[in-house]
Protein backbone atom coordinates (compact mmCIF):
# COMPACT_ATOMS: atom_id res chain seq x y z
CA MET A 1 109.66 -75.06 198.87
CA THR A 2 112.44 -73.83 196.61
CA ASP A 3 112.42 -75.03 193.00
CA GLN A 4 115.61 -77.00 192.29
CA SER A 5 116.07 -75.03 189.07
CA ASP A 6 116.59 -71.94 191.25
CA ILE A 7 119.53 -73.54 193.05
CA THR A 8 123.01 -72.89 191.66
CA ASP A 9 124.87 -76.17 191.14
CA TRP A 10 128.01 -75.57 193.23
CA SER A 11 129.87 -78.71 192.17
CA ARG A 12 129.35 -78.00 188.45
CA LEU A 13 130.24 -74.36 188.99
CA CYS A 14 133.61 -75.32 190.51
CA SER A 15 134.39 -77.71 187.65
CA VAL A 16 133.87 -75.23 184.78
CA ASP A 17 137.06 -75.05 182.76
CA GLY A 18 138.30 -71.47 182.82
CA GLY A 19 135.78 -70.33 185.45
CA ARG A 20 136.88 -67.54 187.77
CA MET A 21 135.68 -66.44 191.21
CA ALA A 22 136.09 -63.50 193.55
CA ILE A 23 134.62 -62.33 196.85
CA GLN A 24 134.06 -58.62 197.48
CA GLU A 25 132.94 -56.56 200.45
CA SER A 26 131.72 -53.03 199.71
CA GLY A 27 133.35 -53.32 196.30
CA GLU A 28 136.76 -54.35 197.67
CA ARG A 29 138.28 -57.79 197.14
CA ILE A 30 138.59 -60.01 200.20
CA ARG A 31 140.03 -63.47 200.68
CA SER A 32 137.60 -66.37 200.86
CA ALA A 33 139.19 -67.34 204.17
CA GLY A 34 137.87 -64.09 205.61
CA LEU A 35 134.33 -65.46 205.55
CA THR A 36 135.25 -68.15 208.06
CA THR A 37 137.06 -65.88 210.48
CA GLY A 38 135.73 -66.45 213.95
CA SER A 39 133.54 -69.34 212.88
CA THR A 40 133.85 -72.91 211.76
CA GLY A 41 134.23 -74.04 208.20
CA SER A 42 130.86 -75.81 208.44
CA ARG A 43 128.94 -72.55 208.58
CA GLU A 44 126.65 -72.10 205.57
CA TYR A 45 126.46 -68.89 203.58
CA ARG A 46 123.41 -68.14 201.50
CA PHE A 47 123.77 -65.92 198.45
CA GLU A 48 121.08 -64.61 196.12
CA LEU A 49 121.60 -63.63 192.49
CA GLY A 50 121.73 -59.86 192.19
CA ASP A 51 120.07 -57.56 189.66
CA THR A 52 119.24 -59.88 186.76
CA SER A 53 119.55 -57.07 184.18
CA GLY A 54 123.31 -56.95 184.69
CA ASN A 55 123.93 -60.60 185.41
CA GLY A 56 124.87 -62.93 182.58
CA LYS A 57 125.72 -60.04 180.26
CA THR A 58 128.46 -60.97 177.81
CA GLN A 59 131.74 -59.16 178.36
CA HIS A 60 134.52 -58.94 175.79
CA ARG A 61 138.19 -58.99 176.67
CA VAL A 62 141.23 -58.65 174.42
CA GLN A 63 144.59 -59.91 175.61
CA ILE A 64 148.11 -60.08 174.19
CA ASP A 65 149.44 -63.62 173.91
CA PRO A 66 152.86 -63.47 175.66
CA SER A 67 154.21 -66.23 173.42
CA ASN A 68 153.67 -64.48 170.07
CA GLY A 69 152.41 -60.95 170.80
CA GLN A 70 149.12 -61.50 168.93
CA LEU A 71 145.68 -60.35 170.05
CA HIS A 72 143.26 -62.89 171.51
CA HIS A 73 139.56 -62.22 172.00
CA ARG A 74 137.55 -63.98 174.72
CA GLU A 75 133.91 -63.63 175.76
CA TRP A 76 132.75 -64.04 179.36
CA CYS A 77 129.53 -63.90 181.35
CA ARG A 78 129.66 -62.46 184.86
CA TYR A 79 127.20 -63.26 187.65
CA THR A 80 127.06 -61.47 191.02
CA PHE A 81 125.47 -63.05 194.11
CA ASN A 82 124.71 -60.96 197.21
CA LEU A 83 125.15 -62.40 200.70
CA ALA A 84 121.67 -62.92 202.17
CA ASP A 85 122.67 -64.66 205.40
CA GLU A 86 120.29 -63.80 208.25
CA THR A 87 123.14 -64.14 210.76
CA SER A 88 125.15 -61.40 209.04
CA SER A 89 124.94 -57.75 210.02
CA GLU A 90 122.97 -55.42 207.77
CA SER A 91 126.13 -53.42 207.03
CA GLU A 92 127.84 -56.44 205.55
CA GLU A 93 127.82 -56.00 201.77
CA VAL A 94 129.52 -59.19 200.66
CA GLU A 95 129.29 -60.33 197.05
CA PHE A 96 130.30 -63.59 195.41
CA VAL A 97 131.32 -62.95 191.78
CA VAL A 98 131.74 -65.70 189.23
CA GLU A 99 132.88 -65.29 185.64
CA LEU A 100 132.29 -68.07 183.13
CA PRO A 101 133.29 -68.52 179.48
CA ALA A 102 130.38 -67.43 177.26
CA GLU A 103 129.93 -70.96 175.92
CA THR A 104 129.23 -72.38 179.41
CA ASP A 105 125.83 -74.03 179.98
CA THR A 106 123.88 -71.37 181.90
CA SER A 107 121.62 -73.96 183.56
CA ILE A 108 124.17 -74.29 186.37
CA ILE A 109 123.33 -70.73 187.49
CA GLY A 110 120.26 -70.39 189.68
CA THR A 111 118.91 -67.52 191.72
CA GLN A 112 120.26 -68.95 194.97
CA LEU A 113 123.61 -70.32 196.12
CA THR A 114 124.29 -72.04 199.42
CA VAL A 115 127.88 -72.93 200.27
CA THR A 116 129.89 -73.66 203.42
CA GLY A 117 133.02 -71.85 204.47
CA ALA A 118 135.01 -75.04 203.97
CA GLU A 119 133.72 -75.42 200.41
CA LEU A 120 134.66 -71.83 199.63
CA ALA A 121 138.15 -72.29 201.08
CA GLU A 122 138.64 -75.47 199.04
CA ALA A 123 137.31 -74.15 195.73
CA PHE A 124 138.45 -70.56 195.81
CA ASP A 125 142.04 -70.44 194.67
CA GLN A 126 142.94 -66.76 194.33
CA SER A 127 146.15 -67.46 192.47
CA ASN A 128 144.55 -69.31 189.57
CA HIS A 129 140.86 -68.41 189.37
CA SER A 130 140.52 -64.78 190.38
CA VAL A 131 138.10 -62.63 188.40
CA PRO A 132 140.19 -59.98 186.59
CA VAL A 133 140.13 -56.48 188.05
CA ASN A 134 140.47 -54.94 184.56
CA ARG A 135 142.45 -51.83 185.42
CA VAL A 136 144.93 -52.10 182.54
CA ALA A 137 145.19 -53.62 179.06
CA GLY A 138 148.02 -54.46 176.70
CA LEU A 139 150.40 -55.40 179.53
CA ASP A 140 149.90 -59.16 179.55
CA VAL A 141 153.62 -59.95 179.22
CA GLN A 142 154.55 -57.66 182.11
CA LYS A 143 151.66 -58.97 184.19
CA GLN A 144 152.79 -62.55 183.71
CA GLN A 145 156.28 -61.60 184.88
CA LEU A 146 154.98 -59.73 187.93
CA ARG A 147 152.63 -62.54 188.94
CA ARG A 148 155.50 -65.02 188.66
CA PHE A 149 157.62 -62.89 191.01
CA LEU A 150 154.84 -62.46 193.57
CA GLN A 151 153.69 -66.10 193.52
CA THR A 152 156.97 -68.01 193.36
CA ASP A 153 157.82 -69.85 196.57
CA ASN A 154 161.23 -71.49 196.65
CA SER A 155 161.01 -72.71 200.26
CA ASP A 156 160.12 -76.27 199.20
CA TRP A 157 163.41 -76.34 197.32
CA GLY A 158 165.31 -75.12 200.36
CA LEU A 159 166.00 -71.74 198.74
CA SER A 160 165.10 -68.17 199.61
CA ASN A 161 162.68 -66.11 197.55
CA ARG A 162 163.55 -63.03 195.57
CA SER A 163 162.94 -60.03 197.80
CA GLY A 164 162.37 -57.32 195.20
CA ILE A 165 161.91 -56.41 191.57
CA LEU A 166 162.13 -53.20 189.55
CA LEU A 167 159.60 -51.94 186.99
CA GLU A 168 161.23 -49.51 184.56
CA GLY A 169 159.74 -47.53 181.70
CA PRO A 170 158.41 -44.13 180.57
CA PRO A 171 155.65 -42.34 182.52
CA GLY A 172 152.08 -43.30 181.64
CA THR A 173 152.84 -46.89 180.62
CA GLY A 174 150.81 -48.48 183.45
CA LYS A 175 153.40 -49.53 186.04
CA THR A 176 151.45 -48.45 189.12
CA GLU A 177 148.08 -49.61 187.78
CA LEU A 178 149.51 -53.05 187.01
CA VAL A 179 150.87 -53.47 190.55
CA ILE A 180 147.50 -52.54 192.04
CA GLU A 181 145.59 -54.86 189.69
CA THR A 182 147.88 -57.83 190.29
CA CYS A 183 147.80 -57.49 194.08
CA GLU A 184 144.01 -57.23 194.09
CA GLU A 185 143.68 -60.37 191.99
CA LEU A 186 146.26 -62.44 193.87
CA PHE A 187 145.78 -61.30 197.44
CA GLY A 188 142.43 -59.54 197.58
CA GLY A 189 144.08 -56.35 198.81
CA LEU A 190 146.16 -53.36 197.81
CA PRO A 191 149.92 -53.13 198.30
CA VAL A 192 151.32 -50.82 200.95
CA THR A 193 152.59 -47.88 198.91
CA ILE A 194 155.47 -45.45 199.30
CA SER A 195 155.76 -42.48 196.96
CA GLY A 196 159.42 -41.55 196.70
CA PRO A 197 159.01 -37.73 196.78
CA GLU A 198 156.51 -37.87 199.66
CA ILE A 199 158.82 -39.74 202.02
CA LEU A 200 161.60 -37.16 201.85
CA SER A 201 161.83 -35.01 204.99
CA LYS A 202 164.02 -32.08 206.04
CA TRP A 203 164.35 -33.58 209.54
CA VAL A 204 167.35 -35.82 210.15
CA GLY A 205 166.35 -39.50 210.36
CA GLU A 206 162.67 -38.87 209.62
CA SER A 207 162.78 -40.29 206.09
CA GLU A 208 164.48 -43.47 207.34
CA ARG A 209 161.85 -43.81 210.10
CA LEU A 210 158.99 -43.50 207.60
CA LEU A 211 160.67 -46.09 205.40
CA ARG A 212 160.94 -48.58 208.28
CA LYS A 213 157.34 -47.88 209.26
CA GLN A 214 156.05 -48.71 205.77
CA PHE A 215 158.06 -51.92 205.65
CA GLN A 216 156.56 -52.95 209.01
CA GLU A 217 153.05 -52.09 207.78
CA ALA A 218 153.59 -54.23 204.69
CA ARG A 219 154.54 -57.21 206.88
CA GLY A 220 151.07 -57.24 208.41
CA SER A 221 149.11 -56.31 205.29
CA THR A 222 146.84 -58.60 203.28
CA SER A 223 149.12 -58.62 200.26
CA GLN A 224 152.49 -58.48 202.07
CA VAL A 225 153.68 -56.39 199.15
CA LEU A 226 155.42 -53.02 199.45
CA TYR A 227 155.27 -50.83 196.36
CA ILE A 228 157.79 -47.98 196.07
CA ASP A 229 156.70 -45.55 193.37
CA GLU A 230 159.33 -43.24 191.84
CA ILE A 231 162.15 -44.93 193.74
CA ASP A 232 164.64 -42.71 191.91
CA ALA A 233 163.59 -39.88 194.25
CA ILE A 234 165.05 -41.70 197.30
CA ALA A 235 167.63 -44.11 195.93
CA ARG A 236 169.97 -42.23 193.61
CA SER A 237 173.53 -43.38 193.23
CA ARG A 238 175.54 -42.49 196.36
CA SER A 239 178.66 -41.86 194.28
CA GLU A 240 176.89 -39.00 192.49
CA SER A 241 174.84 -37.64 195.39
CA THR A 242 176.03 -34.46 197.07
CA GLN A 243 173.78 -34.80 200.10
CA GLU A 244 174.68 -37.00 203.06
CA HIS A 245 171.08 -37.76 204.04
CA SER A 246 170.47 -39.22 200.56
CA ALA A 247 173.25 -41.76 201.10
CA GLN A 248 171.82 -42.62 204.53
CA LEU A 249 168.38 -43.23 203.01
CA VAL A 250 169.84 -45.57 200.37
CA ALA A 251 171.75 -47.44 203.09
CA GLN A 252 168.54 -47.85 205.11
CA LEU A 253 166.73 -49.20 202.05
CA LEU A 254 169.53 -51.71 201.42
CA VAL A 255 169.30 -52.95 205.01
CA LEU A 256 165.54 -53.38 204.77
CA LEU A 257 165.87 -55.29 201.49
CA ASP A 258 168.79 -57.51 202.41
CA GLY A 259 169.47 -57.20 206.14
CA ILE A 260 168.87 -59.68 208.96
CA ASP A 261 165.18 -58.81 209.31
CA ALA A 262 164.73 -59.38 205.57
CA LYS A 263 165.48 -63.07 206.08
CA LYS A 264 162.33 -63.66 208.14
CA GLU A 265 159.38 -65.56 206.68
CA ASP A 266 156.96 -62.64 206.91
CA THR A 267 159.23 -60.28 204.98
CA PRO A 268 157.19 -58.38 202.38
CA LYS A 269 158.07 -58.54 198.71
CA VAL A 270 159.15 -55.20 197.32
CA VAL A 271 158.11 -53.85 193.93
CA ALA A 272 159.68 -50.55 192.88
CA SER A 273 159.08 -48.44 189.77
CA THR A 274 161.04 -45.74 187.98
CA ASN A 275 161.47 -44.04 184.65
CA LEU A 276 165.09 -43.17 185.53
CA ALA A 277 166.68 -46.56 186.12
CA GLU A 278 170.12 -45.29 185.15
CA VAL A 279 170.34 -42.97 188.18
CA LEU A 280 169.63 -45.67 190.80
CA ASP A 281 172.36 -46.79 193.16
CA PRO A 282 173.98 -49.91 191.60
CA ALA A 283 173.87 -51.73 194.94
CA LEU A 284 170.06 -51.81 194.73
CA LEU A 285 170.15 -53.68 191.44
CA ARG A 286 172.01 -56.74 192.73
CA PRO A 287 170.44 -60.15 193.35
CA GLY A 288 168.89 -60.32 196.81
CA ARG A 289 167.65 -56.75 196.54
CA LEU A 290 165.76 -55.42 193.51
CA GLY A 291 167.72 -57.78 191.29
CA ASN A 292 169.23 -57.37 187.85
CA GLN A 293 166.20 -58.59 185.89
CA PRO A 294 163.77 -55.65 185.75
CA ILE A 295 160.35 -55.78 184.13
CA THR A 296 160.53 -53.37 181.21
CA PHE A 297 157.62 -51.18 180.10
CA SER A 298 157.77 -49.36 176.77
CA ARG A 299 155.36 -47.27 174.77
CA PRO A 300 152.69 -49.68 173.46
CA ASP A 301 153.01 -51.03 169.94
CA THR A 302 150.12 -51.24 167.47
CA GLN A 303 148.64 -54.46 168.89
CA GLU A 304 148.90 -53.18 172.45
CA ARG A 305 147.25 -49.86 171.54
CA MET A 306 144.39 -51.81 169.94
CA ALA A 307 143.96 -53.74 173.21
CA ILE A 308 143.96 -50.50 175.23
CA PHE A 309 141.35 -48.81 173.04
CA HIS A 310 139.19 -51.95 173.20
CA HIS A 311 139.49 -51.97 177.00
CA TYR A 312 138.04 -48.47 177.36
CA PHE A 313 135.34 -49.00 174.75
CA GLU A 314 134.22 -52.14 176.58
CA GLN A 315 134.08 -50.21 179.86
CA ILE A 316 131.75 -47.70 178.22
CA ARG A 317 129.64 -50.43 176.60
CA THR A 318 129.02 -52.24 179.89
CA SER A 319 128.40 -49.08 181.93
CA SER A 320 124.91 -48.02 182.96
CA ASN A 321 124.72 -44.91 180.77
CA GLY A 322 127.45 -45.29 178.16
CA ARG A 323 126.38 -45.51 174.51
CA LEU A 324 128.58 -46.35 171.55
CA ASP A 325 128.10 -45.80 167.84
CA ALA A 326 127.42 -49.00 165.85
CA LYS A 327 130.93 -48.96 164.38
CA ILE A 328 132.56 -48.81 167.82
CA ARG A 329 130.22 -51.50 169.19
CA GLU A 330 131.26 -53.74 166.31
CA ALA A 331 134.92 -53.07 167.20
CA VAL A 332 134.21 -54.22 170.76
CA THR A 333 132.36 -57.41 169.85
CA ASP A 334 134.62 -58.39 166.93
CA PRO A 335 137.97 -56.71 167.65
CA LEU A 336 140.18 -59.05 165.62
CA ASN A 337 138.44 -58.02 162.39
CA SER A 338 138.04 -54.34 163.20
CA GLY A 339 139.66 -51.95 160.75
CA PHE A 340 138.48 -49.11 163.00
CA LEU A 341 140.57 -50.31 165.96
CA GLU A 342 143.58 -50.82 163.72
CA ASN A 343 143.23 -47.31 162.27
CA LEU A 344 143.00 -45.81 165.75
CA ALA A 345 146.15 -47.65 166.80
CA THR A 346 147.97 -46.40 163.69
CA GLU A 347 146.91 -42.80 164.29
CA THR A 348 148.12 -42.86 167.89
CA ASP A 349 151.71 -43.96 167.31
CA GLY A 350 153.77 -42.69 170.24
CA TYR A 351 150.81 -42.62 172.67
CA THR A 352 151.14 -44.22 176.09
CA GLY A 353 148.26 -45.99 177.81
CA ALA A 354 147.64 -42.80 179.81
CA ASP A 355 147.46 -40.77 176.59
CA ILE A 356 144.86 -43.15 175.14
CA GLU A 357 142.79 -43.04 178.33
CA ASP A 358 142.89 -39.24 178.31
CA THR A 359 141.80 -39.20 174.65
CA ILE A 360 138.72 -41.32 175.45
CA VAL A 361 137.88 -39.36 178.61
CA THR A 362 138.21 -36.05 176.74
CA ALA A 363 135.99 -37.34 173.92
CA VAL A 364 133.26 -38.41 176.37
CA THR A 365 133.53 -35.14 178.31
CA HIS A 366 133.23 -33.17 175.07
CA LEU A 367 130.22 -35.25 174.03
CA GLN A 368 128.41 -34.65 177.33
CA ALA A 369 129.16 -30.93 177.30
CA LYS A 370 128.00 -30.51 173.70
CA GLN A 371 124.94 -32.76 173.70
CA HIS A 372 122.49 -33.14 176.55
CA ASN A 373 120.43 -35.62 174.59
CA GLU A 374 120.09 -38.90 176.49
CA PHE A 375 120.46 -40.76 173.19
CA SER A 376 123.79 -39.20 172.24
CA GLN A 377 126.51 -41.71 171.36
CA LEU A 378 130.27 -41.77 171.27
CA THR A 379 131.20 -41.76 167.57
CA PRO A 380 134.43 -42.38 165.64
CA SER A 381 134.49 -38.75 164.48
CA THR A 382 134.45 -37.49 168.08
CA ILE A 383 137.47 -39.65 168.90
CA HIS A 384 139.35 -38.70 165.71
CA ASP A 385 138.77 -35.00 166.49
CA ARG A 386 140.31 -35.42 169.95
CA ILE A 387 143.33 -37.22 168.48
CA THR A 388 143.80 -34.38 165.98
CA GLU A 389 143.57 -31.80 168.78
CA ARG A 390 146.19 -33.57 170.88
CA ASN A 391 148.60 -33.76 167.95
CA ILE A 392 151.05 -35.90 169.91
CA GLN A 393 154.18 -36.44 167.89
CA PRO A 394 155.69 -39.91 168.14
CA GLN A 395 158.28 -39.69 170.92
CA GLY A 396 159.96 -42.92 169.95
CA PRO A 397 162.28 -43.44 167.01
CA SER A 398 160.86 -43.72 163.47
CA PHE A 399 161.97 -46.74 161.49
CA THR A 400 160.87 -49.07 158.70
CA GLU A 401 160.18 -52.73 159.30
CA GLU A 402 159.19 -55.67 157.15
CA SER A 403 158.80 -59.40 157.62
CA ILE A 404 160.64 -61.55 155.12
CA VAL A 405 161.00 -65.26 154.62
CA THR A 406 164.68 -66.07 154.40
CA GLU A 407 165.77 -68.11 151.41
CA ALA A 408 168.75 -70.34 150.90
CA THR A 409 171.66 -68.38 149.44
CA ASP A 410 175.24 -69.06 148.37
CA SER A 411 176.04 -65.45 147.48
CA VAL A 412 177.09 -64.58 151.03
CA GLN A 413 178.70 -66.71 153.73
CA LEU A 414 179.31 -65.83 157.36
CA HIS A 415 182.26 -66.98 159.45
CA GLY A 416 183.21 -66.72 163.10
CA ASN A 417 181.26 -66.05 166.27
CA GLY A 418 179.11 -63.09 167.17
CA GLN A 419 175.91 -61.30 166.20
CA LEU A 420 177.35 -58.19 164.56
CA VAL A 421 178.23 -57.45 160.94
CA GLN A 422 180.13 -54.32 159.90
CA LEU A 423 179.86 -53.36 156.22
CA LYS A 424 181.43 -50.78 153.95
CA ALA A 425 179.04 -48.15 152.60
CA PRO A 426 176.92 -47.94 150.56
CA ILE A 427 174.68 -50.70 151.91
CA THR A 428 171.70 -51.70 149.78
CA ASP A 429 168.45 -53.49 150.62
CA GLU A 430 169.74 -56.49 148.67
CA ASP A 431 172.82 -56.58 150.92
CA ILE A 432 170.64 -56.63 154.02
CA GLN A 433 168.40 -59.41 152.70
CA SER A 434 171.35 -61.56 151.57
CA ILE A 435 173.08 -61.21 154.93
CA THR A 436 169.83 -61.93 156.79
CA SER A 437 169.29 -65.12 154.77
CA ALA A 438 172.89 -66.20 155.32
CA TRP A 439 172.60 -65.48 159.05
CA LYS A 440 169.44 -67.55 159.42
CA GLN A 441 171.09 -70.50 157.71
CA TYR A 442 174.21 -69.96 159.80
CA VAL A 443 172.22 -70.08 163.06
CA ASP A 444 169.78 -72.94 162.53
CA GLY A 445 169.52 -73.71 158.84
CA SER A 446 165.77 -73.01 158.67
CA ASP A 447 163.79 -70.80 156.31
CA ASP A 448 161.70 -69.08 158.99
CA GLU A 449 160.18 -65.61 158.96
CA PHE A 450 162.55 -62.82 159.93
CA VAL A 451 161.85 -59.18 160.84
CA VAL A 452 164.20 -56.71 159.17
CA ARG A 453 164.21 -53.28 160.88
CA THR A 454 166.04 -50.30 159.37
CA VAL A 455 166.69 -47.38 161.70
CA PRO A 456 168.35 -44.08 160.71
CA SER A 457 170.85 -43.52 163.50
CA ASN A 458 169.76 -39.90 164.06
CA GLN A 459 166.49 -41.40 165.33
CA LEU A 460 168.41 -42.78 168.32
CA ILE A 461 169.05 -39.27 169.65
CA GLY A 462 166.52 -37.74 172.05
CA PRO A 463 166.51 -34.34 173.77
CA THR A 464 167.93 -35.82 177.01
CA PRO A 465 170.11 -38.83 177.91
CA THR A 466 167.08 -40.54 179.47
CA GLU A 467 164.94 -40.17 176.35
CA THR A 468 167.90 -41.18 174.19
CA ARG A 469 168.25 -44.38 176.18
CA ASP A 470 164.51 -45.07 175.79
CA ARG A 471 164.83 -44.67 172.01
CA VAL A 472 167.69 -47.17 171.76
CA VAL A 473 165.84 -49.67 173.96
CA THR A 474 162.75 -49.30 171.74
CA VAL A 475 164.80 -49.98 168.61
CA PHE A 476 166.15 -53.23 170.05
CA HIS A 477 162.79 -54.33 171.50
CA HIS A 478 160.94 -57.07 169.60
CA LYS A 479 158.56 -59.94 170.23
CA PRO A 480 160.29 -63.02 171.70
CA SER A 481 158.70 -65.25 169.06
CA THR A 482 160.43 -63.49 166.13
CA SER A 483 164.05 -63.10 165.08
CA LEU A 484 165.28 -59.59 164.38
CA CYS A 485 167.81 -58.23 161.89
CA LEU A 486 168.52 -54.66 162.98
CA TYR A 487 170.27 -52.31 160.55
CA LEU A 488 171.48 -49.03 162.09
CA SER A 489 172.14 -46.85 159.07
CA ASP A 490 174.74 -44.08 159.27
CA LEU A 491 175.79 -45.04 162.80
CA PRO A 492 179.29 -43.47 162.34
CA SER A 493 177.66 -40.02 162.30
CA VAL A 494 176.64 -40.62 165.92
CA THR A 495 179.70 -42.47 167.18
CA CYS A 496 182.07 -39.78 165.93
CA ALA A 497 180.56 -37.52 168.61
CA VAL A 498 181.31 -39.99 171.44
CA GLY A 499 183.35 -38.23 174.11
CA HIS A 500 182.06 -34.85 173.00
CA THR A 501 178.38 -35.11 174.01
CA SER A 502 176.54 -37.16 176.62
CA LEU A 503 173.81 -38.03 174.08
CA ALA A 504 176.24 -39.89 171.81
CA ASP A 505 177.81 -41.55 174.87
CA THR A 506 174.36 -42.73 175.94
CA VAL A 507 173.64 -44.20 172.50
CA LEU A 508 176.81 -46.28 172.50
CA GLU A 509 176.45 -47.38 176.14
CA THR A 510 172.83 -48.46 175.65
CA ILE A 511 173.61 -50.36 172.44
CA HIS A 512 176.20 -52.38 174.39
CA GLU A 513 173.69 -53.00 177.21
CA GLN A 514 171.09 -54.25 174.74
CA LEU A 515 173.57 -56.52 172.97
CA LEU A 516 174.34 -58.22 176.30
CA GLN A 517 170.64 -59.02 176.72
CA TRP A 518 169.95 -59.95 173.12
CA ASN A 519 168.61 -63.28 171.92
CA GLU A 520 171.23 -65.36 170.10
CA GLN A 521 168.97 -65.53 167.01
CA ASN A 522 169.24 -61.77 166.35
CA LEU A 523 171.68 -59.86 164.14
CA LEU A 524 172.95 -56.26 164.12
CA ILE A 525 174.27 -54.67 160.91
CA TYR A 526 175.99 -51.28 160.76
CA GLY A 527 178.42 -49.36 158.58
CA GLN A 528 182.14 -48.79 158.97
CA ASN A 529 183.62 -45.44 159.90
CA LYS A 530 186.46 -43.77 158.00
CA THR A 531 189.16 -45.57 159.98
CA ASP A 532 187.56 -49.00 159.37
CA GLN A 533 187.76 -49.63 163.12
CA SER A 534 184.89 -51.21 165.02
CA TYR A 535 183.41 -48.99 167.71
CA LEU A 536 181.17 -51.72 169.16
CA SER A 537 183.00 -53.95 171.62
CA ALA A 538 181.50 -57.31 170.71
CA GLU A 539 182.42 -60.24 168.51
CA HIS A 540 181.83 -59.67 164.80
CA LEU A 541 181.15 -62.02 161.93
CA ASP A 542 183.33 -62.11 158.81
CA ILE A 543 181.68 -62.09 155.38
CA SER A 544 182.82 -63.78 152.21
CA GLU A 545 181.08 -63.68 148.84
């Protein structure tokens, strides 16, 4: 007779606040409904707790709070139950995985779990309680936006759903990994994937046929998501394309996104990614297609780099053979108070998530090649040496930034509408602070914290128009919870070259694009040129002293 203490309390397990569940077969996520396929919901499934050495082990996870951009540290305990149903085939390797907050009473976990298909279907809500796949870190804001797109159902409101969305950002920032992770967590399956360069064919009509085939495959897939990687390879602007077949491929893509067949209920949602958004055909970026609200990826900031380093250190810590130095272990278990993590993030300014992963992989590879001792550990010095060897120069713009608390001032007053102030040189730090304080009072009258960012305008110029655009976007990017005063020093030195070089044209165009998307609490300050004429086409504020 089985001891009751060995029985997992299913009802208490389902009621744990913050508890998460997942079902896997041969390591791949499956939907809970799949266990009842071909049988009734009353069928019982018997699971047994797996290897006890790995079960219940505390796992540490660092996330970025989308509301304020700050790091949050949570501890979890994961338990894996193996399907031990006598009626199942021996090849069936089904696991039930549950993840509970570390503070949960462990008495609810026994060595056995018996549950019916109906109970699984009722309790297992993939959209809210799926165990994280943990492929990426530091992308919590982007993940929230992607999940919202994939989960939103407007049919109850009598409206159609958005058919597509674009992910844009530099290479190595985690776009593809995030799509895979989100689909696994939400749908228990991978998206159907198209790689832009791979679909191109020299045969007339073959590329369009492959495109239609992938759309049809996505209709019947588990996720009903089609992911188009490097869409810029197949969807460049038709007005600039010199090849007829390229225009035909774009036209086919538009039909699939917004044609008659796209109005059917089983139409897949399309996620596309690019690091060359400016070359895409404008027709793709209209509502009803990929839309005009892309999810933007940028090079990770300091907090995000800390989260990424923590992610890989935790993977090593929980692996079967990985060993970390005491200082790194402390950074994993207490990341919010880790000076080591913060120093790593500071040293790796300009790194993408892929760069950080490569740094860790290279450090571990070097350690294994150098030391065959089974007790060798990954140490801070090994990581620092790999960072020094890489010598990656920051590819984004360099600027200074400080947080100030605005104070009431009568020395400067602002008049009119707009978010731009043009000043005569020279402009001092006192001028910037006075204008910032006056602006804050002008907007809402509060004395809140304000971020003042000073950017030398030569830092906006990159080696190519694409990299120049990325630099300008980075300069304007800030956390939604803060207000930004952006001072572009010596901007006339760049604008005087407009019309003479594409790099200066790109700077001015991108500044205007960013101003259109800017929060109304933000302010841009820049200097006048020799003619005293404004070269930014937006409303300006007048200043009186």
